[in-house]
């Protein structure tokens, strides 16, 4: 390589370095802001997770304390007093309703469950479970209970088969064994039925004088 080529290369490299330093002086602050933003974002994310975890643990401790309360009425009151949101609120409400039912406060339990069933701030599965448990509470208004259960028993619903089982039990109470047998057959032949539920359905079919080997009639 000639001296002139070497000189040209050195000048070119120097110009590139000067240009790079110029870019750094002009735009280097952007890189600093990006780095600070990334670090700050990661720190805030970890802080937020820690806060959420701590809040969840606090709610859990309150539930455990409430469940350890002697007396169903006092336990229900302690659970109802828990200030929670989302799934935690749903669990607290379900536990409170169960304690209210244990204490014989059927109307209060129904109000708690109905309130949860219409609370759009909690996941749908909890709302459906609350509606199902509300429909399972003893009540003289059998027509309203049956309507609620039929809605919950629609294909694809979260607790469709459990709701259908309750319908069958209500049909037995109403003195309609044939309808109850047909309902239990539909349950026992459903592709999504659990083993326990199938066994309960078949046991009731036999108890009512039905044949578990008989074909399921078309709806």
C-alpha atoms as a PDB file:
ATOM      1  CA  UNK A   1       0.000   0.000   0.000  1.00  0.00           C
ATOM      2  CA  UNK A   2       1.349   3.455  -0.968  1.00  0.00           C
ATOM      3  CA  UNK A   3       1.877   6.300   1.467  1.00  0.00           C
ATOM      4  CA  UNK A   4      -0.937   8.239  -0.186  1.00  0.00           C
ATOM      5  CA  UNK A   5      -3.398   5.332   0.312  1.00  0.00           C
ATOM      6  CA  UNK A   6      -2.374   4.997   3.945  1.00  0.00           C
ATOM      7  CA  UNK A   7      -2.822   8.699   4.485  1.00  0.00           C
ATOM      8  CA  UNK A   8      -6.266   8.628   2.866  1.00  0.00           C
ATOM      9  CA  UNK A   9      -7.360   5.710   5.071  1.00  0.00           C
ATOM     10  CA  UNK A  10      -6.161   7.478   8.204  1.00  0.00           C
ATOM     11  CA  UNK A  11      -8.048  10.603   7.237  1.00  0.00           C
ATOM     12  CA  UNK A  12     -11.157   8.585   6.464  1.00  0.00           C
ATOM     13  CA  UNK A  13     -11.025   6.821   9.846  1.00  0.00           C
ATOM     14  CA  UNK A  14     -10.538  10.141  11.610  1.00  0.00           C
ATOM     15  CA  UNK A  15     -13.530  11.628   9.804  1.00  0.00           C
ATOM     16  CA  UNK A  16     -15.618   8.624  10.810  1.00  0.00           C
ATOM     17  CA  UNK A  17     -14.581   8.973  14.429  1.00  0.00           C
ATOM     18  CA  UNK A  18     -15.383  12.671  14.385  1.00  0.00           C
ATOM     19  CA  UNK A  19     -18.771  11.913  12.857  1.00  0.00           C
ATOM     20  CA  UNK A  20     -19.462   9.227  15.471  1.00  0.00           C
ATOM     21  CA  UNK A  21     -18.547  11.525  18.326  1.00  0.00           C
ATOM     22  CA  UNK A  22     -20.730  14.174  16.798  1.00  0.00           C
ATOM     23  CA  UNK A  23     -23.689  11.795  16.676  1.00  0.00           C
ATOM     24  CA  UNK A  24     -23.039  10.771  20.271  1.00  0.00           C
ATOM     25  CA  UNK A  25     -22.916  14.374  21.438  1.00  0.00           C
ATOM     26  CA  UNK A  26     -26.099  15.169  19.514  1.00  0.00           C
ATOM     27  CA  UNK A  27     -28.171  12.045  20.116  1.00  0.00           C
ATOM     28  CA  UNK A  28     -26.498  10.274  23.022  1.00  0.00           C
ATOM     29  CA  UNK A  29     -29.120  11.559  25.452  1.00  0.00           C
ATOM     30  CA  UNK A  30     -31.715   9.413  23.643  1.00  0.00           C
ATOM     31  CA  UNK A  31     -29.803   6.251  24.496  1.00  0.00           C
ATOM     32  CA  UNK A  32     -29.520   7.407  28.106  1.00  0.00           C
ATOM     33  CA  UNK A  33     -33.285   8.018  28.285  1.00  0.00           C
ATOM     34  CA  UNK A  34     -34.010   4.591  26.769  1.00  0.00           C
ATOM     35  CA  UNK A  35     -31.728   2.833  29.253  1.00  0.00           C
ATOM     36  CA  UNK A  36     -33.187   4.743  32.201  1.00  0.00           C
ATOM     37  CA  UNK A  37     -36.702   3.959  30.958  1.00  0.00           C
ATOM     38  CA  UNK A  38     -35.970   0.249  30.655  1.00  0.00           C
ATOM     39  CA  UNK A  39     -34.385   0.069  34.097  1.00  0.00           C
ATOM     40  CA  UNK A  40     -37.154   2.136  35.660  1.00  0.00           C
ATOM     41  CA  UNK A  41     -39.848   0.067  33.949  1.00  0.00           C
ATOM     42  CA  UNK A  42     -38.355  -3.192  35.187  1.00  0.00           C
ATOM     43  CA  UNK A  43     -38.080  -1.824  38.718  1.00  0.00           C
ATOM     44  CA  UNK A  44     -41.697  -0.620  38.700  1.00  0.00           C
ATOM     45  CA  UNK A  45     -42.874  -3.962  37.334  1.00  0.00           C
ATOM     46  CA  UNK A  46     -41.161  -5.832  40.160  1.00  0.00           C
ATOM     47  CA  UNK A  47     -42.538  -3.349  42.699  1.00  0.00           C
ATOM     48  CA  UNK A  48     -46.052  -3.770  41.303  1.00  0.00           C
ATOM     49  CA  UNK A  49     -45.777  -7.560  41.466  1.00  0.00           C
ATOM     50  CA  UNK A  50     -44.581  -7.370  45.052  1.00  0.00           C
ATOM     51  CA  UNK A  51     -47.472  -5.075  46.002  1.00  0.00           C
ATOM     52  CA  UNK A  52     -50.016  -7.388  44.326  1.00  0.00           C
ATOM     53  CA  UNK A  53     -48.534 -10.416  46.044  1.00  0.00           C
ATOM     54  CA  UNK A  54     -48.561  -8.686  49.427  1.00  0.00           C
ATOM     55  CA  UNK A  55     -52.196  -7.617  48.971  1.00  0.00           C
ATOM     56  CA  UNK A  56     -53.222 -11.151  48.016  1.00  0.00           C
ATOM     57  CA  UNK A  57     -51.433 -12.582  51.038  1.00  0.00           C
ATOM     58  CA  UNK A  58     -53.150 -10.053  53.300  1.00  0.00           C
ATOM     59  CA  UNK A  59     -56.586 -10.998  51.935  1.00  0.00           C
ATOM     60  CA  UNK A  60     -55.752 -14.662  52.389  1.00  0.00           C
ATOM     61  CA  UNK A  61     -54.769 -14.067  56.006  1.00  0.00           C
ATOM     62  CA  UNK A  62     -58.052 -12.233  56.615  1.00  0.00           C
ATOM     63  CA  UNK A  63     -60.001 -15.146  55.158  1.00  0.00           C
ATOM     64  CA  UNK A  64     -58.170 -17.657  57.323  1.00  0.00           C
ATOM     65  CA  UNK A  65     -58.792 -15.527  60.410  1.00  0.00           C
ATOM     66  CA  UNK A  66     -62.482 -15.226  59.517  1.00  0.00           C
ATOM     67  CA  UNK A  67     -62.833 -18.976  58.902  1.00  0.00           C
ATOM     68  CA  UNK A  68     -61.321 -19.688  62.313  1.00  0.00           C
ATOM     69  CA  UNK A  69     -64.055 -17.616  64.008  1.00  0.00           C
ATOM     70  CA  UNK A  70     -66.349 -19.646  66.248  1.00  0.00           C
ATOM     71  CA  UNK A  71     -70.018 -19.594  65.344  1.00  0.00           C
ATOM     72  CA  UNK A  72     -71.474 -19.574  61.830  1.00  0.00           C
ATOM     73  CA  UNK A  73     -73.069 -16.134  62.237  1.00  0.00           C
ATOM     74  CA  UNK A  74     -69.868 -14.492  63.461  1.00  0.00           C
ATOM     75  CA  UNK A  75     -67.888 -16.291  60.764  1.00  0.00           C
ATOM     76  CA  UNK A  76     -70.288 -15.061  58.079  1.00  0.00           C
ATOM     77  CA  UNK A  77     -70.051 -11.496  59.392  1.00  0.00           C
ATOM     78  CA  UNK A  78     -66.246 -11.642  59.426  1.00  0.00           C
ATOM     79  CA  UNK A  79     -66.126 -12.937  55.855  1.00  0.00           C
ATOM     80  CA  UNK A  80     -68.628 -10.353  54.632  1.00  0.00           C
ATOM     81  CA  UNK A  81     -66.513  -7.574  56.147  1.00  0.00           C
ATOM     82  CA  UNK A  82     -63.438  -8.441  54.082  1.00  0.00           C
ATOM     83  CA  UNK A  83     -62.663  -5.676  51.588  1.00  0.00           C
ATOM     84  CA  UNK A  84     -61.453  -7.461  48.465  1.00  0.00           C
ATOM     85  CA  UNK A  85     -61.752  -7.188  44.704  1.00  0.00           C
ATOM     86  CA  UNK A  86     -61.839  -9.546  41.736  1.00  0.00           C
ATOM     87  CA  UNK A  87     -61.445 -13.272  42.404  1.00  0.00           C
ATOM     88  CA  UNK A  88     -60.631 -12.634  46.067  1.00  0.00           C
ATOM     89  CA  UNK A  89     -63.946 -10.854  46.518  1.00  0.00           C
ATOM     90  CA  UNK A  90     -65.739 -13.757  44.830  1.00  0.00           C
ATOM     91  CA  UNK A  91     -64.127 -16.340  47.111  1.00  0.00           C
ATOM     92  CA  UNK A  92     -64.921 -14.263  50.201  1.00  0.00           C
ATOM     93  CA  UNK A  93     -68.554 -13.892  49.111  1.00  0.00           C
ATOM     94  CA  UNK A  94     -68.936 -17.625  48.424  1.00  0.00           C
ATOM     95  CA  UNK A  95     -67.488 -18.460  51.841  1.00  0.00           C
ATOM     96  CA  UNK A  96     -69.712 -15.860  53.494  1.00  0.00           C
ATOM     97  CA  UNK A  97     -72.810 -17.300  51.804  1.00  0.00           C
ATOM     98  CA  UNK A  98     -71.882 -20.810  52.938  1.00  0.00           C
ATOM     99  CA  UNK A  99     -71.490 -19.603  56.526  1.00  0.00           C
ATOM    100  CA  UNK A 100     -74.796 -17.719  56.323  1.00  0.00           C
ATOM    101  CA  UNK A 101     -76.493 -20.899  55.132  1.00  0.00           C
ATOM    102  CA  UNK A 102     -74.898 -22.860  57.973  1.00  0.00           C
ATOM    103  CA  UNK A 103     -76.298 -20.264  60.372  1.00  0.00           C
ATOM    104  CA  UNK A 104     -79.775 -20.669  58.894  1.00  0.00           C
ATOM    105  CA  UNK A 105     -79.667 -17.238  57.280  1.00  0.00           C
ATOM    106  CA  UNK A 106     -81.037 -18.464  53.954  1.00  0.00           C
ATOM    107  CA  UNK A 107     -82.307 -15.073  52.786  1.00  0.00           C
ATOM    108  CA  UNK A 108     -78.990 -13.413  53.607  1.00  0.00           C
ATOM    109  CA  UNK A 109     -77.124 -16.187  51.775  1.00  0.00           C
ATOM    110  CA  UNK A 110     -79.355 -15.726  48.749  1.00  0.00           C
ATOM    111  CA  UNK A 111     -78.716 -11.972  48.737  1.00  0.00           C
ATOM    112  CA  UNK A 112     -74.954 -12.535  48.970  1.00  0.00           C
ATOM    113  CA  UNK A 113     -74.971 -15.033  46.102  1.00  0.00           C
ATOM    114  CA  UNK A 114     -77.268 -12.960  43.878  1.00  0.00           C
ATOM    115  CA  UNK A 115     -75.077  -9.919  44.481  1.00  0.00           C
ATOM    116  CA  UNK A 116     -72.033 -11.905  43.398  1.00  0.00           C
ATOM    117  CA  UNK A 117     -73.853 -13.353  40.382  1.00  0.00           C
ATOM    118  CA  UNK A 118     -74.444  -9.866  38.951  1.00  0.00           C
ATOM    119  CA  UNK A 119     -71.045  -8.429  39.892  1.00  0.00           C
ATOM    120  CA  UNK A 120     -69.304  -7.830  36.561  1.00  0.00           C
ATOM    121  CA  UNK A 121     -66.033  -7.022  38.328  1.00  0.00           C
ATOM    122  CA  UNK A 122     -65.395 -10.716  39.032  1.00  0.00           C
ATOM    123  CA  UNK A 123     -64.687 -13.468  36.460  1.00  0.00           C
ATOM    124  CA  UNK A 124     -67.715 -15.060  34.810  1.00  0.00           C
ATOM    125  CA  UNK A 125     -67.094 -18.510  36.270  1.00  0.00           C
ATOM    126  CA  UNK A 126     -67.554 -17.137  39.792  1.00  0.00           C
ATOM    127  CA  UNK A 127     -70.758 -15.366  38.759  1.00  0.00           C
ATOM    128  CA  UNK A 128     -72.119 -18.602  37.292  1.00  0.00           C
ATOM    129  CA  UNK A 129     -71.168 -20.566  40.391  1.00  0.00           C
ATOM    130  CA  UNK A 130     -72.916 -18.006  42.591  1.00  0.00           C
ATOM    131  CA  UNK A 131     -76.051 -18.198  40.435  1.00  0.00           C
ATOM    132  CA  UNK A 132     -76.004 -21.996  40.668  1.00  0.00           C
ATOM    133  CA  UNK A 133     -75.585 -22.006  44.446  1.00  0.00           C
ATOM    134  CA  UNK A 134     -78.366 -19.412  44.777  1.00  0.00           C
ATOM    135  CA  UNK A 135     -80.689 -21.640  42.759  1.00  0.00           C
ATOM    136  CA  UNK A 136     -79.796 -24.598  44.987  1.00  0.00           C
ATOM    137  CA  UNK A 137     -80.874 -22.826  48.176  1.00  0.00           C
ATOM    138  CA  UNK A 138     -84.138 -24.101  49.662  1.00  0.00           C
ATOM    139  CA  UNK A 139     -87.032 -21.921  48.593  1.00  0.00           C
ATOM    140  CA  UNK A 140     -90.781 -22.161  48.166  1.00  0.00           C
ATOM    141  CA  UNK A 141     -90.451 -20.303  44.862  1.00  0.00           C
ATOM    142  CA  UNK A 142     -89.737 -23.438  42.834  1.00  0.00           C
ATOM    143  CA  UNK A 143     -90.684 -21.786  39.541  1.00  0.00           C
ATOM    144  CA  UNK A 144     -87.929 -19.171  39.905  1.00  0.00           C
ATOM    145  CA  UNK A 145     -85.427 -21.834  40.937  1.00  0.00           C
ATOM    146  CA  UNK A 146     -86.313 -24.004  37.942  1.00  0.00           C
ATOM    147  CA  UNK A 147     -86.013 -21.051  35.546  1.00  0.00           C
ATOM    148  CA  UNK A 148     -82.577 -20.181  36.916  1.00  0.00           C
ATOM    149  CA  UNK A 149     -81.403 -23.800  36.697  1.00  0.00           C
ATOM    150  CA  UNK A 150     -82.654 -24.229  33.133  1.00  0.00           C
ATOM    151  CA  UNK A 151     -80.669 -21.158  32.128  1.00  0.00           C
ATOM    152  CA  UNK A 152     -77.539 -22.544  33.792  1.00  0.00           C
ATOM    153  CA  UNK A 153     -78.101 -25.967  32.185  1.00  0.00           C
ATOM    154  CA  UNK A 154     -77.757 -24.660  28.629  1.00  0.00           C
ATOM    155  CA  UNK A 155     -75.125 -26.526  26.541  1.00  0.00           C
ATOM    156  CA  UNK A 156     -71.701 -24.964  26.939  1.00  0.00           C
ATOM    157  CA  UNK A 157     -72.457 -23.341  30.303  1.00  0.00           C
ATOM    158  CA  UNK A 158     -69.798 -23.732  32.999  1.00  0.00           C
ATOM    159  CA  UNK A 159     -71.952 -25.827  35.331  1.00  0.00           C
ATOM    160  CA  UNK A 160     -74.495 -27.202  32.882  1.00  0.00           C
ATOM    161  CA  UNK A 161     -74.477 -30.809  34.109  1.00  0.00           C
ATOM    162  CA  UNK A 162     -74.607 -29.858  37.786  1.00  0.00           C
ATOM    163  CA  UNK A 163     -77.549 -27.568  37.045  1.00  0.00           C
ATOM    164  CA  UNK A 164     -79.259 -30.372  35.117  1.00  0.00           C
ATOM    165  CA  UNK A 165     -78.759 -32.708  38.079  1.00  0.00           C
ATOM    166  CA  UNK A 166     -80.499 -30.174  40.315  1.00  0.00           C
ATOM    167  CA  UNK A 167     -83.347 -30.010  37.816  1.00  0.00           C
ATOM    168  CA  UNK A 168     -83.689 -33.785  38.043  1.00  0.00           C
ATOM    169  CA  UNK A 169     -83.813 -33.615  41.845  1.00  0.00           C
ATOM    170  CA  UNK A 170     -86.496 -30.936  41.670  1.00  0.00           C
ATOM    171  CA  UNK A 171     -88.484 -33.160  39.308  1.00  0.00           C
ATOM    172  CA  UNK A 172     -88.298 -35.928  41.910  1.00  0.00           C
ATOM    173  CA  UNK A 173     -89.535 -33.515  44.585  1.00  0.00           C
ATOM    174  CA  UNK A 174     -92.375 -32.499  42.283  1.00  0.00           C
ATOM    175  CA  UNK A 175     -93.475 -36.140  41.936  1.00  0.00           C
ATOM    176  CA  UNK A 176     -92.452 -36.552  38.292  1.00  0.00           C
ATOM    177  CA  UNK A 177     -90.127 -39.588  38.272  1.00  0.00           C
ATOM    178  CA  UNK A 178     -90.350 -40.117  34.517  1.00  0.00           C
ATOM    179  CA  UNK A 179     -89.034 -36.612  33.837  1.00  0.00           C
ATOM    180  CA  UNK A 180     -86.307 -37.108  36.435  1.00  0.00           C
ATOM    181  CA  UNK A 181     -85.229 -40.407  34.848  1.00  0.00           C
ATOM    182  CA  UNK A 182     -85.041 -38.759  31.420  1.00  0.00           C
ATOM    183  CA  UNK A 183     -82.970 -35.908  32.848  1.00  0.00           C
ATOM    184  CA  UNK A 184     -80.568 -38.283  34.609  1.00  0.00           C
ATOM    185  CA  UNK A 185     -80.159 -40.356  31.447  1.00  0.00           C
ATOM    186  CA  UNK A 186     -79.135 -37.248  29.541  1.00  0.00           C
ATOM    187  CA  UNK A 187     -76.548 -36.556  32.217  1.00  0.00           C
ATOM    188  CA  UNK A 188     -75.155 -40.090  32.324  1.00  0.00           C
ATOM    189  CA  UNK A 189     -74.745 -40.205  28.542  1.00  0.00           C
ATOM    190  CA  UNK A 190     -73.145 -36.776  28.199  1.00  0.00           C
ATOM    191  CA  UNK A 191     -69.590 -36.910  26.828  1.00  0.00           C
ATOM    192  CA  UNK A 192     -68.346 -34.414  29.397  1.00  0.00           C
ATOM    193  CA  UNK A 193     -69.831 -35.998  32.502  1.00  0.00           C
ATOM    194  CA  UNK A 194     -67.500 -36.888  35.359  1.00  0.00           C
ATOM    195  CA  UNK A 195     -67.423 -40.375  36.824  1.00  0.00           C
ATOM    196  CA  UNK A 196     -68.926 -39.257  40.119  1.00  0.00           C
ATOM    197  CA  UNK A 197     -71.804 -37.404  38.488  1.00  0.00           C
ATOM    198  CA  UNK A 198     -72.529 -40.333  36.144  1.00  0.00           C
ATOM    199  CA  UNK A 199     -72.677 -42.700  39.095  1.00  0.00           C
ATOM    200  CA  UNK A 200     -75.050 -40.394  40.985  1.00  0.00           C
ATOM    201  CA  UNK A 201     -77.299 -40.093  37.929  1.00  0.00           C
ATOM    202  CA  UNK A 202     -77.391 -43.832  37.342  1.00  0.00           C
ATOM    203  CA  UNK A 203     -78.061 -44.513  41.019  1.00  0.00           C
ATOM    204  CA  UNK A 204     -81.065 -42.201  40.950  1.00  0.00           C
ATOM    205  CA  UNK A 205     -82.329 -43.793  37.726  1.00  0.00           C
ATOM    206  CA  UNK A 206     -82.278 -47.230  39.364  1.00  0.00           C
ATOM    207  CA  UNK A 207     -83.838 -45.870  42.589  1.00  0.00           C
ATOM    208  CA  UNK A 208     -86.706 -44.442  40.538  1.00  0.00           C
ATOM    209  CA  UNK A 209     -87.269 -47.774  38.791  1.00  0.00           C
ATOM    210  CA  UNK A 210     -85.568 -46.880  35.528  1.00  0.00           C
ATOM    211  CA  UNK A 211     -83.182 -48.858  33.360  1.00  0.00           C
ATOM    212  CA  UNK A 212     -79.676 -47.442  32.944  1.00  0.00           C
ATOM    213  CA  UNK A 213     -79.216 -49.476  29.751  1.00  0.00           C
ATOM    214  CA  UNK A 214     -82.194 -47.905  28.046  1.00  0.00           C
ATOM    215  CA  UNK A 215     -81.401 -45.512  25.160  1.00  0.00           C
ATOM    216  CA  UNK A 216     -81.533 -41.801  25.782  1.00  0.00           C
ATOM    217  CA  UNK A 217     -84.693 -40.354  24.201  1.00  0.00           C
ATOM    218  CA  UNK A 218     -84.226 -37.582  21.639  1.00  0.00           C
ATOM    219  CA  UNK A 219     -84.823 -34.109  22.991  1.00  0.00           C
END
